[in-house]
Amino acid sequence: MKQPMARLVGAMAVCLAVLAGACGPHAGYAPYDTVPTMATERYDVNQLPQYRLQVGDQLTIKFYRNPELDQEVVIRPDGKISLPFIDEVQCAGLTPEDLDKEITRRYVGELAIPDITVIVAGFGGHRVYVDGMVEKPGMIALAGGMTMQGAIASAGGYRDEAIREQVILIRREAGGEPVGHAVDLRKVIYGQEPEGDVLLQPYDIVYVPRSKIANANLWVKQYLQDMMPIRPGLAIPTSAF
């Protein structure tokens, strides 16, 4: 009983992360839009997404003119850190550059010349969720360079009834909207076009369907709703992981 419950809670945690900030009608679903593959990401660094801070990331806050204030902190489960004089600062979801600017702004008036830099010293336990026609659906630790095909392999591989030509990737894009992409992994599987695989990002959802999905827009929206028996914003018990 404990294992199915852990799987359910893990799924809800990922869906909460995907849905965070995406309120209102989901008009932005584009399941057949292209998604950057390893080939495009490898040769065009401008297409790589900006890294956004996550819970569990380790930060070094350097005060160059006031080194006695230097801090080594870990982003808490509520997405915040605490710093001298300015108390709590929201970090999760910001880029390191955004956080740098926010902390500098908060220290204006506290320090004569706030000269501050944020360094990401370590990354928290980022995960993705693999579901559908795989042997072991559930949460997968996101290792560096993990792809869709790699995540499916980590989930035990495809079941016999799985289709490979329309694997769905659900990703929260820069605007905060969950967007679905249909990815054909057949040539990746057989080694014909390994560069056609897709590098995963924290809290991506990979879904391997049993049959082709006719209305992918509607399917992605319904899938997220079905995986969310609780309202976004409610706490997820971390002990279930």
C-alpha atoms as a PDB file:
ATOM      1  CA  MET A   1       0.000   0.000   0.000  1.00  0.00           C
ATOM      2  CA  LYS A   2       2.854   2.331   0.800  1.00  0.00           C
ATOM      3  CA  GLN A   3       4.403   2.049  -2.678  1.00  0.00           C
ATOM      4  CA  PRO A   4       1.226   3.048  -4.633  1.00  0.00           C
ATOM      5  CA  MET A   5       0.683   5.929  -2.206  1.00  0.00           C
ATOM      6  CA  ALA A   6       4.264   7.146  -2.711  1.00  0.00           C
ATOM      7  CA  ARG A   7       3.747   6.966  -6.473  1.00  0.00           C
ATOM      8  CA  LEU A   8       0.528   8.977  -6.241  1.00  0.00           C
ATOM      9  CA  VAL A   9       2.063  11.636  -3.999  1.00  0.00           C
ATOM     10  CA  GLY A  10       5.103  11.869  -6.251  1.00  0.00           C
ATOM     11  CA  ALA A  11       2.904  12.354  -9.288  1.00  0.00           C
ATOM     12  CA  MET A  12       0.933  15.069  -7.547  1.00  0.00           C
ATOM     13  CA  ALA A  13       4.128  16.839  -6.513  1.00  0.00           C
ATOM     14  CA  VAL A  14       5.345  16.972 -10.108  1.00  0.00           C
ATOM     15  CA  CYS A  15       1.961  18.124 -11.365  1.00  0.00           C
ATOM     16  CA  LEU A  16       1.903  20.865  -8.721  1.00  0.00           C
ATOM     17  CA  ALA A  17       5.301  22.038  -9.942  1.00  0.00           C
ATOM     18  CA  VAL A  18       4.107  22.000 -13.559  1.00  0.00           C
ATOM     19  CA  LEU A  19       0.897  23.824 -12.734  1.00  0.00           C
ATOM     20  CA  ALA A  20       2.444  26.420 -10.421  1.00  0.00           C
ATOM     21  CA  GLY A  21       1.763  29.860 -11.828  1.00  0.00           C
ATOM     22  CA  ALA A  22      -0.451  28.489 -14.571  1.00  0.00           C
ATOM     23  CA  CYS A  23      -3.877  29.617 -13.457  1.00  0.00           C
ATOM     24  CA  GLY A  24      -6.901  30.185 -15.636  1.00  0.00           C
ATOM     25  CA  PRO A  25      -7.790  28.608 -19.007  1.00  0.00           C
ATOM     26  CA  HIS A  26      -5.069  26.501 -20.615  1.00  0.00           C
ATOM     27  CA  ALA A  27      -5.244  27.935 -24.093  1.00  0.00           C
ATOM     28  CA  GLY A  28      -1.502  27.556 -24.607  1.00  0.00           C
ATOM     29  CA  TYR A  29      -1.322  23.780 -25.042  1.00  0.00           C
ATOM     30  CA  ALA A  30       0.584  22.951 -28.210  1.00  0.00           C
ATOM     31  CA  PRO A  31       1.192  19.188 -28.175  1.00  0.00           C
ATOM     32  CA  TYR A  32       2.476  19.072 -31.742  1.00  0.00           C
ATOM     33  CA  ASP A  33       4.854  21.988 -31.495  1.00  0.00           C
ATOM     34  CA  THR A  34       8.520  21.197 -31.828  1.00  0.00           C
ATOM     35  CA  VAL A  35      10.657  20.886 -28.721  1.00  0.00           C
ATOM     36  CA  PRO A  36      14.446  21.421 -28.790  1.00  0.00           C
ATOM     37  CA  THR A  37      16.277  18.128 -29.366  1.00  0.00           C
ATOM     38  CA  MET A  38      19.839  17.219 -28.445  1.00  0.00           C
ATOM     39  CA  ALA A  39      20.949  18.279 -31.930  1.00  0.00           C
ATOM     40  CA  THR A  40      19.588  21.826 -31.657  1.00  0.00           C
ATOM     41  CA  GLU A  41      20.549  22.290 -28.013  1.00  0.00           C
ATOM     42  CA  ARG A  42      24.072  21.056 -28.623  1.00  0.00           C
ATOM     43  CA  TYR A  43      24.870  23.555 -31.346  1.00  0.00           C
ATOM     44  CA  ASP A  44      22.783  26.557 -30.378  1.00  0.00           C
ATOM     45  CA  VAL A  45      23.345  27.535 -26.760  1.00  0.00           C
ATOM     46  CA  ASN A  46      20.903  30.411 -27.198  1.00  0.00           C
ATOM     47  CA  GLN A  47      18.091  27.854 -27.181  1.00  0.00           C
ATOM     48  CA  LEU A  48      19.058  26.449 -23.788  1.00  0.00           C
ATOM     49  CA  PRO A  49      16.554  27.553 -21.128  1.00  0.00           C
ATOM     50  CA  GLN A  50      17.671  29.793 -18.296  1.00  0.00           C
ATOM     51  CA  TYR A  51      18.236  27.840 -15.110  1.00  0.00           C
ATOM     52  CA  ARG A  52      15.658  28.585 -12.446  1.00  0.00           C
ATOM     53  CA  LEU A  53      16.407  27.939  -8.805  1.00  0.00           C
ATOM     54  CA  GLN A  54      14.715  25.001  -7.132  1.00  0.00           C
ATOM     55  CA  VAL A  55      14.071  23.772  -3.617  1.00  0.00           C
ATOM     56  CA  GLY A  56      17.218  22.117  -2.255  1.00  0.00           C
ATOM     57  CA  ASP A  57      19.690  24.139  -4.345  1.00  0.00           C
ATOM     58  CA  GLN A  58      22.768  25.252  -2.425  1.00  0.00           C
ATOM     59  CA  LEU A  59      23.645  28.939  -2.750  1.00  0.00           C
ATOM     60  CA  THR A  60      26.699  30.971  -1.848  1.00  0.00           C
ATOM     61  CA  ILE A  61      25.855  34.642  -1.238  1.00  0.00           C
ATOM     62  CA  LYS A  62      29.003  36.778  -1.495  1.00  0.00           C
ATOM     63  CA  PHE A  63      29.142  40.292  -0.020  1.00  0.00           C
ATOM     64  CA  TYR A  64      32.352  41.646  -1.531  1.00  0.00           C
ATOM     65  CA  ARG A  65      32.488  44.844   0.545  1.00  0.00           C
ATOM     66  CA  ASN A  66      31.098  43.133   3.658  1.00  0.00           C
ATOM     67  CA  PRO A  67      32.597  39.622   3.708  1.00  0.00           C
ATOM     68  CA  GLU A  68      31.452  39.079   7.301  1.00  0.00           C
ATOM     69  CA  LEU A  69      27.925  38.720   5.868  1.00  0.00           C
ATOM     70  CA  ASP A  70      28.836  35.939   3.389  1.00  0.00           C
ATOM     71  CA  GLN A  71      26.321  33.093   3.555  1.00  0.00           C
ATOM     72  CA  GLU A  72      26.089  29.416   2.553  1.00  0.00           C
ATOM     73  CA  VAL A  73      22.388  28.553   2.366  1.00  0.00           C
ATOM     74  CA  VAL A  74      20.041  25.879   1.038  1.00  0.00           C
ATOM     75  CA  ILE A  75      16.674  26.810  -0.466  1.00  0.00           C
ATOM     76  CA  ARG A  76      14.017  25.558   1.949  1.00  0.00           C
ATOM     77  CA  PRO A  77      10.909  23.511   1.018  1.00  0.00           C
ATOM     78  CA  ASP A  78       8.911  26.767   0.979  1.00  0.00           C
ATOM     79  CA  GLY A  79      11.256  28.134  -1.699  1.00  0.00           C
ATOM     80  CA  LYS A  80      12.868  30.763   0.548  1.00  0.00           C
ATOM     81  CA  ILE A  81      16.169  31.546   2.282  1.00  0.00           C
ATOM     82  CA  SER A  82      16.928  33.772   5.261  1.00  0.00           C
ATOM     83  CA  LEU A  83      19.616  36.465   5.217  1.00  0.00           C
ATOM     84  CA  PRO A  84      20.880  38.934   7.837  1.00  0.00           C
ATOM     85  CA  PHE A  85      18.935  42.195   8.165  1.00  0.00           C
ATOM     86  CA  ILE A  86      16.426  41.461   5.379  1.00  0.00           C
ATOM     87  CA  ASP A  87      14.943  38.182   6.695  1.00  0.00           C
ATOM     88  CA  GLU A  88      13.264  35.915   4.130  1.00  0.00           C
ATOM     89  CA  VAL A  89      13.817  36.053   0.384  1.00  0.00           C
ATOM     90  CA  GLN A  90      11.819  34.061  -2.182  1.00  0.00           C
ATOM     91  CA  CYS A  91      14.239  32.136  -4.418  1.00  0.00           C
ATOM     92  CA  ALA A  92      12.538  29.151  -6.077  1.00  0.00           C
ATOM     93  CA  GLY A  93      11.482  29.969  -9.629  1.00  0.00           C
ATOM     94  CA  LEU A  94      13.937  32.859 -10.040  1.00  0.00           C
ATOM     95  CA  THR A  95      17.069  32.774 -12.154  1.00  0.00           C
ATOM     96  CA  PRO A  96      20.342  33.338 -10.239  1.00  0.00           C
ATOM     97  CA  GLU A  97      20.569  36.742 -11.926  1.00  0.00           C
ATOM     98  CA  ASP A  98      17.050  37.667 -10.790  1.00  0.00           C
ATOM     99  CA  LEU A  99      17.856  36.631  -7.222  1.00  0.00           C
ATOM    100  CA  ASP A 100      21.095  38.619  -7.326  1.00  0.00           C
ATOM    101  CA  LYS A 101      19.147  41.743  -8.296  1.00  0.00           C
ATOM    102  CA  GLU A 102      16.460  41.151  -5.655  1.00  0.00           C
ATOM    103  CA  ILE A 103      18.933  40.664  -2.808  1.00  0.00           C
ATOM    104  CA  THR A 104      20.927  43.718  -3.915  1.00  0.00           C
ATOM    105  CA  ARG A 105      17.718  45.773  -3.985  1.00  0.00           C
ATOM    106  CA  ARG A 106      16.735  44.583  -0.510  1.00  0.00           C
ATOM    107  CA  TYR A 107      20.103  45.601   0.942  1.00  0.00           C
ATOM    108  CA  VAL A 108      19.876  49.171  -0.331  1.00  0.00           C
ATOM    109  CA  GLY A 109      19.601  51.214   2.861  1.00  0.00           C
ATOM    110  CA  GLU A 110      21.115  48.401   4.939  1.00  0.00           C
ATOM    111  CA  LEU A 111      24.588  48.593   3.392  1.00  0.00           C
ATOM    112  CA  ALA A 112      26.435  51.642   2.086  1.00  0.00           C
ATOM    113  CA  ILE A 113      27.322  49.912  -1.195  1.00  0.00           C
ATOM    114  CA  PRO A 114      25.620  46.526  -1.632  1.00  0.00           C
ATOM    115  CA  ASP A 115      28.012  44.618  -3.910  1.00  0.00           C
ATOM    116  CA  ILE A 116      26.491  41.124  -3.912  1.00  0.00           C
ATOM    117  CA  THR A 117      26.810  38.009  -6.065  1.00  0.00           C
ATOM    118  CA  VAL A 118      24.740  34.807  -5.982  1.00  0.00           C
ATOM    119  CA  ILE A 119      26.575  31.580  -6.840  1.00  0.00           C
ATOM    120  CA  VAL A 120      24.788  28.243  -7.323  1.00  0.00           C
ATOM    121  CA  ALA A 121      27.116  25.906  -5.418  1.00  0.00           C
ATOM    122  CA  GLY A 122      25.012  22.753  -5.686  1.00  0.00           C
ATOM    123  CA  PHE A 123      21.779  21.484  -7.160  1.00  0.00           C
ATOM    124  CA  GLY A 124      18.895  19.947  -5.226  1.00  0.00           C
ATOM    125  CA  GLY A 125      17.249  16.615  -5.929  1.00  0.00           C
ATOM    126  CA  HIS A 126      15.510  17.412  -9.201  1.00  0.00           C
ATOM    127  CA  ARG A 127      13.095  14.831 -10.560  1.00  0.00           C
ATOM    128  CA  VAL A 128      10.907  14.002 -13.515  1.00  0.00           C
ATOM    129  CA  TYR A 129       7.828  11.805 -13.703  1.00  0.00           C
ATOM    130  CA  VAL A 130       7.439   8.940 -16.187  1.00  0.00           C
ATOM    131  CA  ASP A 131       3.948   7.529 -16.679  1.00  0.00           C
ATOM    132  CA  GLY A 132       1.872   5.446 -19.048  1.00  0.00           C
ATOM    133  CA  MET A 133       2.972   2.257 -20.795  1.00  0.00           C
ATOM    134  CA  VAL A 134       6.294   1.724 -18.979  1.00  0.00           C
ATOM    135  CA  GLU A 135       7.185  -1.099 -16.624  1.00  0.00           C
ATOM    136  CA  LYS A 136       7.715   1.044 -13.532  1.00  0.00           C
ATOM    137  CA  PRO A 137       5.857   4.374 -13.692  1.00  0.00           C
ATOM    138  CA  GLY A 138       6.940   6.917 -11.115  1.00  0.00           C
ATOM    139  CA  MET A 139       9.443   9.546 -10.071  1.00  0.00           C
ATOM    140  CA  ILE A 140      12.941   9.437 -11.600  1.00  0.00           C
ATOM    141  CA  ALA A 141      15.944  11.330 -10.235  1.00  0.00           C
ATOM    142  CA  LEU A 142      17.048  13.769 -12.944  1.00  0.00           C
ATOM    143  CA  ALA A 143      20.705  13.061 -13.614  1.00  0.00           C
ATOM    144  CA  GLY A 144      22.768  15.441 -15.728  1.00  0.00           C
ATOM    145  CA  GLY A 145      22.119  14.973 -19.438  1.00  0.00           C
ATOM    146  CA  MET A 146      19.100  12.682 -18.961  1.00  0.00           C
ATOM    147  CA  THR A 147      16.869  12.412 -22.033  1.00  0.00           C
ATOM    148  CA  MET A 148      13.326  11.218 -22.631  1.00  0.00           C
ATOM    149  CA  GLN A 149      14.561   7.819 -23.790  1.00  0.00           C
ATOM    150  CA  GLY A 150      16.929   7.594 -20.808  1.00  0.00           C
ATOM    151  CA  ALA A 151      14.107   8.357 -18.377  1.00  0.00           C
ATOM    152  CA  ILE A 152      11.911   5.703 -19.985  1.00  0.00           C
ATOM    153  CA  ALA A 153      14.747   3.180 -19.655  1.00  0.00           C
ATOM    154  CA  SER A 154      15.119   4.143 -15.973  1.00  0.00           C
ATOM    155  CA  ALA A 155      11.403   3.436 -15.562  1.00  0.00           C
ATOM    156  CA  GLY A 156      11.925  -0.148 -16.760  1.00  0.00           C
ATOM    157  CA  GLY A 157      11.429   0.450 -20.470  1.00  0.00           C
ATOM    158  CA  TYR A 158       8.385   0.225 -22.708  1.00  0.00           C
ATOM    159  CA  ARG A 159       5.572  -2.245 -22.168  1.00  0.00           C
ATOM    160  CA  ASP A 160       4.567  -4.348 -25.160  1.00  0.00           C
ATOM    161  CA  GLU A 161       1.453  -2.287 -25.881  1.00  0.00           C
ATOM    162  CA  ALA A 162       3.273   1.070 -25.850  1.00  0.00           C
ATOM    163  CA  ILE A 163       3.540   3.203 -28.956  1.00  0.00           C
ATOM    164  CA  ARG A 164       6.807   5.020 -29.575  1.00  0.00           C
ATOM    165  CA  GLU A 165       5.836   7.504 -32.292  1.00  0.00           C
ATOM    166  CA  GLN A 166       3.832   9.850 -30.058  1.00  0.00           C
ATOM    167  CA  VAL A 167       5.460  10.007 -26.633  1.00  0.00           C
ATOM    168  CA  ILE A 168       4.137  13.061 -24.801  1.00  0.00           C
ATOM    169  CA  LEU A 169       6.422  15.506 -22.998  1.00  0.00           C
ATOM    170  CA  ILE A 170       4.649  17.961 -20.675  1.00  0.00           C
ATOM    171  CA  ARG A 171       6.828  20.892 -19.710  1.00  0.00           C
ATOM    172  CA  ARG A 172       6.226  24.174 -17.950  1.00  0.00           C
ATOM    173  CA  GLU A 173       7.466  26.836 -20.353  1.00  0.00           C
ATOM    174  CA  ALA A 174       8.926  30.268 -19.553  1.00  0.00           C
ATOM    175  CA  GLY A 175       5.501  31.880 -19.214  1.00  0.00           C
ATOM    176  CA  GLY A 176       4.472  29.329 -16.585  1.00  0.00           C
ATOM    177  CA  GLU A 177       2.018  27.479 -18.836  1.00  0.00           C
ATOM    178  CA  PRO A 178       2.225  23.668 -19.063  1.00  0.00           C
ATOM    179  CA  VAL A 179       2.756  22.770 -22.722  1.00  0.00           C
ATOM    180  CA  GLY A 180       2.582  19.298 -24.250  1.00  0.00           C
ATOM    181  CA  HIS A 181       4.853  18.117 -27.067  1.00  0.00           C
ATOM    182  CA  ALA A 182       4.468  14.904 -29.079  1.00  0.00           C
ATOM    183  CA  VAL A 183       7.888  13.350 -29.733  1.00  0.00           C
ATOM    184  CA  ASP A 184       8.572  10.463 -32.132  1.00  0.00           C
ATOM    185  CA  LEU A 185      11.221   8.316 -30.436  1.00  0.00           C
ATOM    186  CA  ARG A 186      11.299   5.417 -32.917  1.00  0.00           C
ATOM    187  CA  LYS A 187      14.514   6.478 -34.666  1.00  0.00           C
ATOM    188  CA  VAL A 188      16.096   7.279 -31.321  1.00  0.00           C
ATOM    189  CA  ILE A 189      15.317   3.780 -30.029  1.00  0.00           C
ATOM    190  CA  TYR A 190      16.831   2.048 -33.056  1.00  0.00           C
ATOM    191  CA  GLY A 191      19.915   4.250 -33.128  1.00  0.00           C
ATOM    192  CA  GLN A 192      19.100   5.904 -36.463  1.00  0.00           C
ATOM    193  CA  GLU A 193      18.791   9.447 -35.064  1.00  0.00           C
ATOM    194  CA  PRO A 194      20.000   9.498 -31.436  1.00  0.00           C
ATOM    195  CA  GLU A 195      20.316  13.280 -31.683  1.00  0.00           C
ATOM    196  CA  GLY A 196      16.522  13.451 -31.999  1.00  0.00           C
ATOM    197  CA  ASP A 197      16.145  12.699 -28.285  1.00  0.00           C
ATOM    198  CA  VAL A 198      15.123  15.506 -25.916  1.00  0.00           C
ATOM    199  CA  LEU A 199      17.073  16.628 -22.837  1.00  0.00           C
ATOM    200  CA  LEU A 200      14.807  16.751 -19.807  1.00  0.00           C
ATOM    201  CA  GLN A 201      14.342  19.607 -17.357  1.00  0.00           C
ATOM    202  CA  PRO A 202      13.262  19.478 -13.694  1.00  0.00           C
ATOM    203  CA  TYR A 203       9.616  18.437 -13.228  1.00  0.00           C
ATOM    204  CA  ASP A 204       9.053  17.386 -16.839  1.00  0.00           C
ATOM    205  CA  ILE A 205       6.417  14.685 -17.302  1.00  0.00           C
ATOM    206  CA  VAL A 206       7.031  11.940 -19.881  1.00  0.00           C
ATOM    207  CA  TYR A 207       3.931   9.938 -20.842  1.00  0.00           C
ATOM    208  CA  VAL A 208       4.040   6.839 -23.053  1.00  0.00           C
ATOM    209  CA  PRO A 209       0.537   6.202 -24.457  1.00  0.00           C
ATOM    210  CA  ARG A 210      -1.104   2.913 -25.382  1.00  0.00           C
ATOM    211  CA  SER A 211      -2.591   4.329 -28.578  1.00  0.00           C
ATOM    212  CA  LYS A 212      -2.401   7.504 -30.618  1.00  0.00           C
ATOM    213  CA  ILE A 213      -4.024  10.544 -29.067  1.00  0.00           C
ATOM    214  CA  ALA A 214      -6.445  12.250 -31.432  1.00  0.00           C
ATOM    215  CA  ASN A 215      -7.040  15.492 -29.537  1.00  0.00           C
ATOM    216  CA  ALA A 216      -3.763  16.086 -27.739  1.00  0.00           C
ATOM    217  CA  ASN A 217      -4.760  19.576 -26.558  1.00  0.00           C
ATOM    218  CA  LEU A 218      -7.712  18.179 -24.644  1.00  0.00           C
ATOM    219  CA  TRP A 219      -5.767  15.117 -23.483  1.00  0.00           C
ATOM    220  CA  VAL A 220      -2.939  17.082 -21.817  1.00  0.00           C
ATOM    221  CA  LYS A 221      -5.389  19.305 -19.962  1.00  0.00           C
ATOM    222  CA  GLN A 222      -7.444  16.317 -18.808  1.00  0.00           C
ATOM    223  CA  TYR A 223      -4.351  14.370 -17.768  1.00  0.00           C
ATOM    224  CA  LEU A 224      -3.140  17.125 -15.440  1.00  0.00           C
ATOM    225  CA  GLN A 225      -6.617  17.532 -13.967  1.00  0.00           C
ATOM    226  CA  ASP A 226      -6.940  13.792 -13.332  1.00  0.00           C
ATOM    227  CA  MET A 227      -3.531  13.694 -11.618  1.00  0.00           C
ATOM    228  CA  MET A 228      -4.532  16.518  -9.259  1.00  0.00           C
ATOM    229  CA  PRO A 229      -7.165  15.298  -6.769  1.00  0.00           C
ATOM    230  CA  ILE A 230      -6.070  18.125  -4.462  1.00  0.00           C
ATOM    231  CA  ARG A 231      -6.042  21.840  -5.123  1.00  0.00           C
ATOM    232  CA  PRO A 232      -2.786  23.516  -6.205  1.00  0.00           C
ATOM    233  CA  GLY A 233      -1.208  25.261  -3.253  1.00  0.00           C
ATOM    234  CA  LEU A 234      -1.823  22.512  -0.698  1.00  0.00           C
ATOM    235  CA  ALA A 235       1.239  20.950   0.885  1.00  0.00           C
ATOM    236  CA  ILE A 236       2.631  17.612  -0.288  1.00  0.00           C
ATOM    237  CA  PRO A 237       3.992  15.395   2.525  1.00  0.00           C
ATOM    238  CA  THR A 238       7.665  14.871   1.715  1.00  0.00           C
ATOM    239  CA  SER A 239       7.791  11.698   3.851  1.00  0.00           C
ATOM    240  CA  ALA A 240       6.051   9.841   1.044  1.00  0.00           C
ATOM    241  CA  PHE A 241       9.026  10.133  -1.284  1.00  0.00           C
END
